[in-house]
Amino acid sequence: MIKYLSLGFIATLFCFATWFAVDFYRSDSKPAASHFPYSVSTDEKADLERKAVLGDCDASTRLAQYYLYGALDLDAATKYLRVAAKCSDIAPKEYLVNILMRNLDNPAATAEIKLLIDDIRKIDPEKATKLEDQLNATKKSKP
């Protein structure tokens, strides 16, 4: 069957498939599907930002994930992780500690890490100890 398909027909199919894939990816109205776990539509992003400013933990965590893994914007991810870190969930605190460990030369970052680890210790002492060990190892590896 394949040998009877013309090269032009195959090229046309390829073009349509590529066009569909690009159009789907660029669409602002698509829902966040499971194969795009960190995708956020423009409308959804605006709604999440509105909620995050008001202190919504889930919205700020979702935005942090979007900026960290989808948009690859570390500054925006850090902004929303700081909002999410005020909540009781450990994960945003842990993400923020790991991001801040990149700036151990900054005293403000070091102080923020200490506060975050103290907050984590209240919920999960074992995880706090692991983060402290990771922090110490990172400090030792820096020249």
N, C-alpha and C. Protein backbone atom coordinates (compact mmCIF):
# COMPACT_ATOMS: atom_id res chain seq x y z
N MET A 1 0.83 -1.19 0.00
CA MET A 1 0.00 0.00 0.00
C MET A 1 0.87 1.25 0.00
N ILE A 2 1.93 1.27 0.83
CA ILE A 2 2.79 2.44 0.95
C ILE A 2 3.46 2.75 -0.39
N LYS A 3 3.85 1.74 -1.13
CA LYS A 3 4.57 2.01 -2.37
C LYS A 3 3.67 2.68 -3.41
N TYR A 4 2.35 2.66 -3.24
CA TYR A 4 1.44 3.28 -4.20
C TYR A 4 1.14 4.74 -3.86
N LEU A 5 1.53 5.19 -2.65
CA LEU A 5 1.30 6.58 -2.28
C LEU A 5 2.35 7.46 -2.94
N SER A 6 1.92 8.54 -3.53
CA SER A 6 2.88 9.43 -4.20
C SER A 6 3.60 10.28 -3.15
N LEU A 7 4.75 10.76 -3.54
CA LEU A 7 5.54 11.60 -2.66
C LEU A 7 4.78 12.89 -2.34
N GLY A 8 4.05 13.41 -3.30
CA GLY A 8 3.26 14.62 -3.08
C GLY A 8 2.17 14.41 -2.04
N PHE A 9 1.51 13.25 -2.07
CA PHE A 9 0.46 12.93 -1.11
C PHE A 9 1.05 12.83 0.30
N ILE A 10 2.17 12.18 0.42
CA ILE A 10 2.83 12.04 1.72
C ILE A 10 3.26 13.41 2.24
N ALA A 11 3.80 14.26 1.35
CA ALA A 11 4.21 15.61 1.75
C ALA A 11 3.01 16.42 2.20
N THR A 12 1.87 16.27 1.51
CA THR A 12 0.66 16.99 1.89
C THR A 12 0.17 16.54 3.26
N LEU A 13 0.17 15.23 3.52
CA LEU A 13 -0.22 14.73 4.82
C LEU A 13 0.68 15.28 5.92
N PHE A 14 1.98 15.29 5.65
CA PHE A 14 2.94 15.81 6.61
C PHE A 14 2.67 17.28 6.91
N CYS A 15 2.39 18.07 5.88
CA CYS A 15 2.11 19.49 6.06
C CYS A 15 0.86 19.71 6.90
N PHE A 16 -0.20 18.93 6.63
CA PHE A 16 -1.42 19.07 7.41
C PHE A 16 -1.20 18.68 8.87
N ALA A 17 -0.46 17.62 9.08
CA ALA A 17 -0.19 17.18 10.45
C ALA A 17 0.63 18.23 11.20
N THR A 18 1.63 18.81 10.53
CA THR A 18 2.46 19.84 11.15
C THR A 18 1.63 21.08 11.44
N TRP A 19 0.80 21.49 10.48
CA TRP A 19 -0.05 22.67 10.68
C TRP A 19 -0.98 22.47 11.86
N PHE A 20 -1.60 21.28 11.95
CA PHE A 20 -2.52 21.00 13.05
C PHE A 20 -1.78 21.05 14.39
N ALA A 21 -0.60 20.44 14.44
CA ALA A 21 0.16 20.40 15.69
C ALA A 21 0.57 21.81 16.12
N VAL A 22 1.05 22.63 15.20
CA VAL A 22 1.47 23.99 15.52
C VAL A 22 0.27 24.83 15.94
N ASP A 23 -0.83 24.72 15.22
CA ASP A 23 -2.04 25.48 15.55
C ASP A 23 -2.57 25.08 16.92
N PHE A 24 -2.56 23.81 17.23
CA PHE A 24 -3.03 23.34 18.54
C PHE A 24 -2.13 23.88 19.64
N TYR A 25 -0.83 23.84 19.43
CA TYR A 25 0.12 24.28 20.45
C TYR A 25 -0.01 25.77 20.72
N ARG A 26 -0.22 26.57 19.67
CA ARG A 26 -0.29 28.03 19.82
C ARG A 26 -1.63 28.51 20.32
N SER A 27 -2.64 27.69 20.29
CA SER A 27 -3.98 28.10 20.67
C SER A 27 -4.03 28.52 22.13
N ASP A 28 -4.58 29.72 22.40
CA ASP A 28 -4.70 30.21 23.77
C ASP A 28 -5.91 29.65 24.48
N SER A 29 -6.81 29.03 23.73
CA SER A 29 -8.05 28.57 24.35
C SER A 29 -8.03 27.08 24.69
N LYS A 30 -6.91 26.43 24.43
CA LYS A 30 -6.88 24.99 24.71
C LYS A 30 -6.83 24.74 26.22
N PRO A 31 -7.47 23.70 26.68
CA PRO A 31 -7.38 23.38 28.10
C PRO A 31 -6.04 22.74 28.41
N ALA A 32 -5.65 22.77 29.65
CA ALA A 32 -4.42 22.11 30.06
C ALA A 32 -4.67 20.61 30.06
N ALA A 33 -4.15 19.94 29.05
CA ALA A 33 -4.35 18.51 28.92
C ALA A 33 -3.26 17.77 29.67
N SER A 34 -3.47 16.50 29.88
CA SER A 34 -2.51 15.72 30.65
C SER A 34 -1.16 15.63 29.95
N HIS A 35 -1.14 15.73 28.60
CA HIS A 35 0.13 15.67 27.91
C HIS A 35 0.81 17.05 27.87
N PHE A 36 0.14 18.08 28.35
CA PHE A 36 0.72 19.40 28.54
C PHE A 36 0.48 19.80 30.00
N PRO A 37 1.11 19.12 30.95
CA PRO A 37 0.76 19.31 32.36
C PRO A 37 1.03 20.73 32.87
N TYR A 38 1.95 21.46 32.25
CA TYR A 38 2.26 22.79 32.74
C TYR A 38 1.78 23.87 31.77
N SER A 39 0.83 23.51 30.92
CA SER A 39 0.25 24.45 29.98
C SER A 39 -0.88 25.21 30.66
N VAL A 40 -0.93 26.52 30.41
CA VAL A 40 -1.97 27.36 30.98
C VAL A 40 -2.45 28.30 29.88
N SER A 41 -3.75 28.34 29.66
CA SER A 41 -4.29 29.25 28.65
C SER A 41 -4.19 30.68 29.17
N THR A 42 -4.31 31.64 28.28
CA THR A 42 -4.22 33.04 28.66
C THR A 42 -5.31 33.41 29.67
N ASP A 43 -6.52 32.94 29.44
CA ASP A 43 -7.62 33.22 30.37
C ASP A 43 -7.38 32.59 31.73
N GLU A 44 -6.94 31.34 31.70
CA GLU A 44 -6.68 30.63 32.96
C GLU A 44 -5.54 31.30 33.73
N LYS A 45 -4.51 31.74 33.01
CA LYS A 45 -3.37 32.39 33.64
C LYS A 45 -3.82 33.68 34.35
N ALA A 46 -4.64 34.47 33.69
CA ALA A 46 -5.13 35.71 34.29
C ALA A 46 -5.94 35.41 35.56
N ASP A 47 -6.77 34.38 35.49
CA ASP A 47 -7.57 34.00 36.66
C ASP A 47 -6.67 33.51 37.80
N LEU A 48 -5.67 32.69 37.47
CA LEU A 48 -4.75 32.20 38.49
C LEU A 48 -3.95 33.33 39.12
N GLU A 49 -3.52 34.29 38.30
CA GLU A 49 -2.76 35.42 38.83
C GLU A 49 -3.62 36.25 39.79
N ARG A 50 -4.88 36.46 39.43
CA ARG A 50 -5.80 37.20 40.30
C ARG A 50 -5.95 36.49 41.64
N LYS A 51 -6.12 35.18 41.59
CA LYS A 51 -6.29 34.40 42.82
C LYS A 51 -4.99 34.36 43.64
N ALA A 52 -3.86 34.23 42.95
CA ALA A 52 -2.58 34.15 43.66
C ALA A 52 -2.26 35.44 44.40
N VAL A 53 -2.59 36.56 43.81
CA VAL A 53 -2.36 37.85 44.47
C VAL A 53 -3.15 37.93 45.77
N LEU A 54 -4.29 37.26 45.79
CA LEU A 54 -5.12 37.24 47.00
C LEU A 54 -4.68 36.17 47.99
N GLY A 55 -3.62 35.41 47.65
CA GLY A 55 -3.08 34.43 48.57
C GLY A 55 -3.56 33.01 48.36
N ASP A 56 -4.22 32.71 47.25
CA ASP A 56 -4.71 31.36 46.98
C ASP A 56 -3.52 30.42 46.78
N CYS A 57 -3.43 29.42 47.64
CA CYS A 57 -2.29 28.48 47.61
C CYS A 57 -2.26 27.65 46.34
N ASP A 58 -3.40 27.10 45.94
CA ASP A 58 -3.44 26.26 44.76
C ASP A 58 -3.10 27.06 43.50
N ALA A 59 -3.64 28.26 43.39
CA ALA A 59 -3.38 29.09 42.21
C ALA A 59 -1.90 29.48 42.14
N SER A 60 -1.32 29.86 43.25
CA SER A 60 0.09 30.26 43.24
C SER A 60 1.00 29.07 42.95
N THR A 61 0.65 27.90 43.45
CA THR A 61 1.45 26.70 43.17
C THR A 61 1.35 26.35 41.69
N ARG A 62 0.15 26.40 41.14
CA ARG A 62 -0.05 26.11 39.70
C ARG A 62 0.73 27.08 38.83
N LEU A 63 0.69 28.37 39.17
CA LEU A 63 1.46 29.36 38.41
C LEU A 63 2.96 29.13 38.55
N ALA A 64 3.39 28.80 39.74
CA ALA A 64 4.82 28.52 39.95
C ALA A 64 5.26 27.35 39.07
N GLN A 65 4.46 26.30 39.01
CA GLN A 65 4.78 25.16 38.16
C GLN A 65 4.79 25.56 36.69
N TYR A 66 3.81 26.37 36.30
CA TYR A 66 3.75 26.83 34.91
C TYR A 66 5.02 27.61 34.56
N TYR A 67 5.40 28.56 35.41
CA TYR A 67 6.57 29.37 35.10
C TYR A 67 7.87 28.58 35.22
N LEU A 68 7.91 27.63 36.12
CA LEU A 68 9.13 26.86 36.32
C LEU A 68 9.35 25.84 35.20
N TYR A 69 8.30 25.11 34.83
CA TYR A 69 8.45 24.02 33.87
C TYR A 69 7.89 24.31 32.48
N GLY A 70 6.91 25.21 32.39
CA GLY A 70 6.29 25.49 31.10
C GLY A 70 6.92 26.69 30.41
N ALA A 71 6.92 27.84 31.09
CA ALA A 71 7.43 29.07 30.50
C ALA A 71 8.93 29.26 30.74
N LEU A 72 9.50 28.47 31.63
CA LEU A 72 10.93 28.53 31.97
C LEU A 72 11.35 29.94 32.41
N ASP A 73 10.56 30.52 33.29
CA ASP A 73 10.83 31.85 33.82
C ASP A 73 11.06 31.71 35.32
N LEU A 74 12.32 31.64 35.70
CA LEU A 74 12.68 31.38 37.09
C LEU A 74 12.27 32.52 38.02
N ASP A 75 12.35 33.75 37.56
CA ASP A 75 11.96 34.88 38.40
C ASP A 75 10.47 34.86 38.72
N ALA A 76 9.65 34.62 37.70
CA ALA A 76 8.20 34.55 37.92
C ALA A 76 7.85 33.35 38.79
N ALA A 77 8.52 32.22 38.56
CA ALA A 77 8.28 31.03 39.38
C ALA A 77 8.61 31.32 40.84
N THR A 78 9.71 32.01 41.07
CA THR A 78 10.11 32.35 42.43
C THR A 78 9.08 33.25 43.09
N LYS A 79 8.56 34.20 42.33
CA LYS A 79 7.54 35.12 42.86
C LYS A 79 6.32 34.34 43.37
N TYR A 80 5.83 33.39 42.56
CA TYR A 80 4.64 32.65 42.96
C TYR A 80 4.95 31.56 43.98
N LEU A 81 6.18 31.06 44.00
CA LEU A 81 6.54 30.11 45.04
C LEU A 81 6.57 30.79 46.40
N ARG A 82 6.95 32.06 46.42
CA ARG A 82 6.94 32.79 47.69
C ARG A 82 5.53 32.93 48.24
N VAL A 83 4.57 33.10 47.35
CA VAL A 83 3.16 33.17 47.78
C VAL A 83 2.74 31.79 48.29
N ALA A 84 3.05 30.75 47.51
CA ALA A 84 2.65 29.38 47.88
C ALA A 84 3.36 28.91 49.14
N ALA A 85 4.56 29.39 49.39
CA ALA A 85 5.32 28.96 50.57
C ALA A 85 4.70 29.43 51.87
N LYS A 86 3.81 30.41 51.81
CA LYS A 86 3.12 30.88 53.01
C LYS A 86 2.04 29.90 53.46
N CYS A 87 1.72 28.95 52.58
CA CYS A 87 0.69 27.96 52.88
C CYS A 87 1.31 26.77 53.60
N SER A 88 0.49 25.82 53.99
CA SER A 88 0.97 24.69 54.80
C SER A 88 1.65 23.59 53.99
N ASP A 89 1.53 23.60 52.68
CA ASP A 89 2.12 22.55 51.84
C ASP A 89 3.64 22.68 51.83
N ILE A 90 4.32 21.56 51.95
CA ILE A 90 5.78 21.56 52.00
C ILE A 90 6.41 21.75 50.62
N ALA A 91 5.80 21.23 49.58
CA ALA A 91 6.41 21.22 48.25
C ALA A 91 6.84 22.60 47.77
N PRO A 92 5.99 23.63 47.83
CA PRO A 92 6.46 24.95 47.38
C PRO A 92 7.64 25.48 48.19
N LYS A 93 7.64 25.20 49.48
CA LYS A 93 8.76 25.62 50.33
C LYS A 93 10.05 24.94 49.87
N GLU A 94 9.93 23.65 49.58
CA GLU A 94 11.10 22.88 49.15
C GLU A 94 11.60 23.36 47.79
N TYR A 95 10.68 23.60 46.85
CA TYR A 95 11.08 24.15 45.54
C TYR A 95 11.81 25.47 45.72
N LEU A 96 11.27 26.32 46.56
CA LEU A 96 11.86 27.64 46.77
C LEU A 96 13.25 27.53 47.39
N VAL A 97 13.40 26.64 48.35
CA VAL A 97 14.73 26.42 48.95
C VAL A 97 15.73 26.01 47.87
N ASN A 98 15.33 25.09 47.01
CA ASN A 98 16.24 24.62 45.96
C ASN A 98 16.60 25.73 44.97
N ILE A 99 15.66 26.60 44.67
CA ILE A 99 15.96 27.72 43.78
C ILE A 99 16.88 28.72 44.47
N LEU A 100 16.59 29.02 45.72
CA LEU A 100 17.39 30.00 46.45
C LEU A 100 18.82 29.51 46.72
N MET A 101 19.01 28.21 46.73
CA MET A 101 20.36 27.67 46.95
C MET A 101 21.32 28.06 45.84
N ARG A 102 20.79 28.53 44.74
CA ARG A 102 21.66 29.00 43.65
C ARG A 102 22.30 30.34 44.00
N ASN A 103 21.77 31.05 45.03
CA ASN A 103 22.24 32.39 45.40
C ASN A 103 22.76 32.42 46.83
N LEU A 104 23.57 31.47 47.20
CA LEU A 104 24.05 31.42 48.58
C LEU A 104 24.99 32.57 48.92
N ASP A 105 25.48 33.29 47.91
CA ASP A 105 26.31 34.46 48.17
C ASP A 105 25.48 35.63 48.67
N ASN A 106 24.17 35.56 48.47
CA ASN A 106 23.26 36.62 48.87
C ASN A 106 22.76 36.34 50.30
N PRO A 107 23.08 37.22 51.25
CA PRO A 107 22.65 36.99 52.63
C PRO A 107 21.13 36.91 52.79
N ALA A 108 20.40 37.67 51.98
CA ALA A 108 18.94 37.63 52.07
C ALA A 108 18.41 36.26 51.65
N ALA A 109 19.02 35.66 50.63
CA ALA A 109 18.61 34.32 50.19
C ALA A 109 18.91 33.29 51.27
N THR A 110 20.07 33.41 51.89
CA THR A 110 20.45 32.49 52.96
C THR A 110 19.49 32.61 54.14
N ALA A 111 19.11 33.82 54.49
CA ALA A 111 18.17 34.02 55.59
C ALA A 111 16.79 33.46 55.25
N GLU A 112 16.37 33.66 53.99
CA GLU A 112 15.07 33.13 53.56
C GLU A 112 15.08 31.60 53.57
N ILE A 113 16.19 31.00 53.17
CA ILE A 113 16.31 29.54 53.21
C ILE A 113 16.16 29.04 54.64
N LYS A 114 16.83 29.71 55.57
CA LYS A 114 16.75 29.30 56.97
C LYS A 114 15.31 29.35 57.48
N LEU A 115 14.59 30.42 57.16
CA LEU A 115 13.19 30.53 57.58
C LEU A 115 12.33 29.43 56.96
N LEU A 116 12.56 29.15 55.68
CA LEU A 116 11.79 28.11 55.00
C LEU A 116 12.05 26.74 55.62
N ILE A 117 13.31 26.45 55.91
CA ILE A 117 13.65 25.17 56.53
C ILE A 117 13.03 25.07 57.92
N ASP A 118 13.01 26.17 58.65
CA ASP A 118 12.36 26.17 59.97
C ASP A 118 10.86 25.89 59.84
N ASP A 119 10.22 26.47 58.82
CA ASP A 119 8.79 26.19 58.57
C ASP A 119 8.57 24.72 58.22
N ILE A 120 9.46 24.18 57.40
CA ILE A 120 9.34 22.77 57.00
C ILE A 120 9.54 21.86 58.21
N ARG A 121 10.45 22.23 59.09
CA ARG A 121 10.74 21.42 60.28
C ARG A 121 9.49 21.24 61.15
N LYS A 122 8.63 22.24 61.19
CA LYS A 122 7.40 22.15 61.99
C LYS A 122 6.45 21.08 61.45
N ILE A 123 6.55 20.81 60.14
CA ILE A 123 5.65 19.86 59.49
C ILE A 123 6.32 18.51 59.29
N ASP A 124 7.57 18.54 58.83
CA ASP A 124 8.30 17.31 58.51
C ASP A 124 9.78 17.48 58.89
N PRO A 125 10.14 17.14 60.12
CA PRO A 125 11.52 17.32 60.58
C PRO A 125 12.56 16.58 59.73
N GLU A 126 12.18 15.40 59.26
CA GLU A 126 13.12 14.61 58.46
C GLU A 126 13.46 15.32 57.16
N LYS A 127 12.45 15.88 56.49
CA LYS A 127 12.69 16.60 55.24
C LYS A 127 13.53 17.85 55.49
N ALA A 128 13.30 18.52 56.61
CA ALA A 128 14.09 19.70 56.95
C ALA A 128 15.55 19.33 57.14
N THR A 129 15.80 18.21 57.79
CA THR A 129 17.17 17.75 57.99
C THR A 129 17.84 17.44 56.65
N LYS A 130 17.11 16.82 55.75
CA LYS A 130 17.66 16.52 54.41
C LYS A 130 17.99 17.80 53.66
N LEU A 131 17.12 18.80 53.77
CA LEU A 131 17.39 20.07 53.10
C LEU A 131 18.60 20.78 53.72
N GLU A 132 18.75 20.69 55.03
CA GLU A 132 19.93 21.27 55.68
C GLU A 132 21.20 20.58 55.21
N ASP A 133 21.14 19.25 55.10
CA ASP A 133 22.30 18.50 54.60
C ASP A 133 22.63 18.91 53.17
N GLN A 134 21.58 19.07 52.36
CA GLN A 134 21.77 19.50 50.97
C GLN A 134 22.37 20.91 50.93
N LEU A 135 21.90 21.78 51.80
CA LEU A 135 22.41 23.14 51.88
C LEU A 135 23.89 23.14 52.27
N ASN A 136 24.24 22.36 53.28
CA ASN A 136 25.63 22.28 53.71
C ASN A 136 26.54 21.72 52.62
N ALA A 137 26.05 20.71 51.91
CA ALA A 137 26.83 20.15 50.82
C ALA A 137 27.02 21.16 49.69
N THR A 138 25.99 21.95 49.43
CA THR A 138 26.09 22.97 48.38
C THR A 138 27.07 24.05 48.79
N LYS A 139 27.04 24.44 50.07
CA LYS A 139 27.98 25.45 50.56
C LYS A 139 29.44 24.96 50.45
N LYS A 140 29.65 23.68 50.79
CA LYS A 140 30.99 23.11 50.73
C LYS A 140 31.52 23.01 49.30
N SER A 141 30.62 22.79 48.34
CA SER A 141 31.05 22.61 46.95
C SER A 141 31.34 23.93 46.26
N LYS A 142 30.87 25.03 46.85
CA LYS A 142 31.14 26.37 46.26
C LYS A 142 32.57 26.77 46.57
N PRO A 143 33.26 27.37 45.58
CA PRO A 143 34.64 27.80 45.81
C PRO A 143 34.75 28.97 46.73
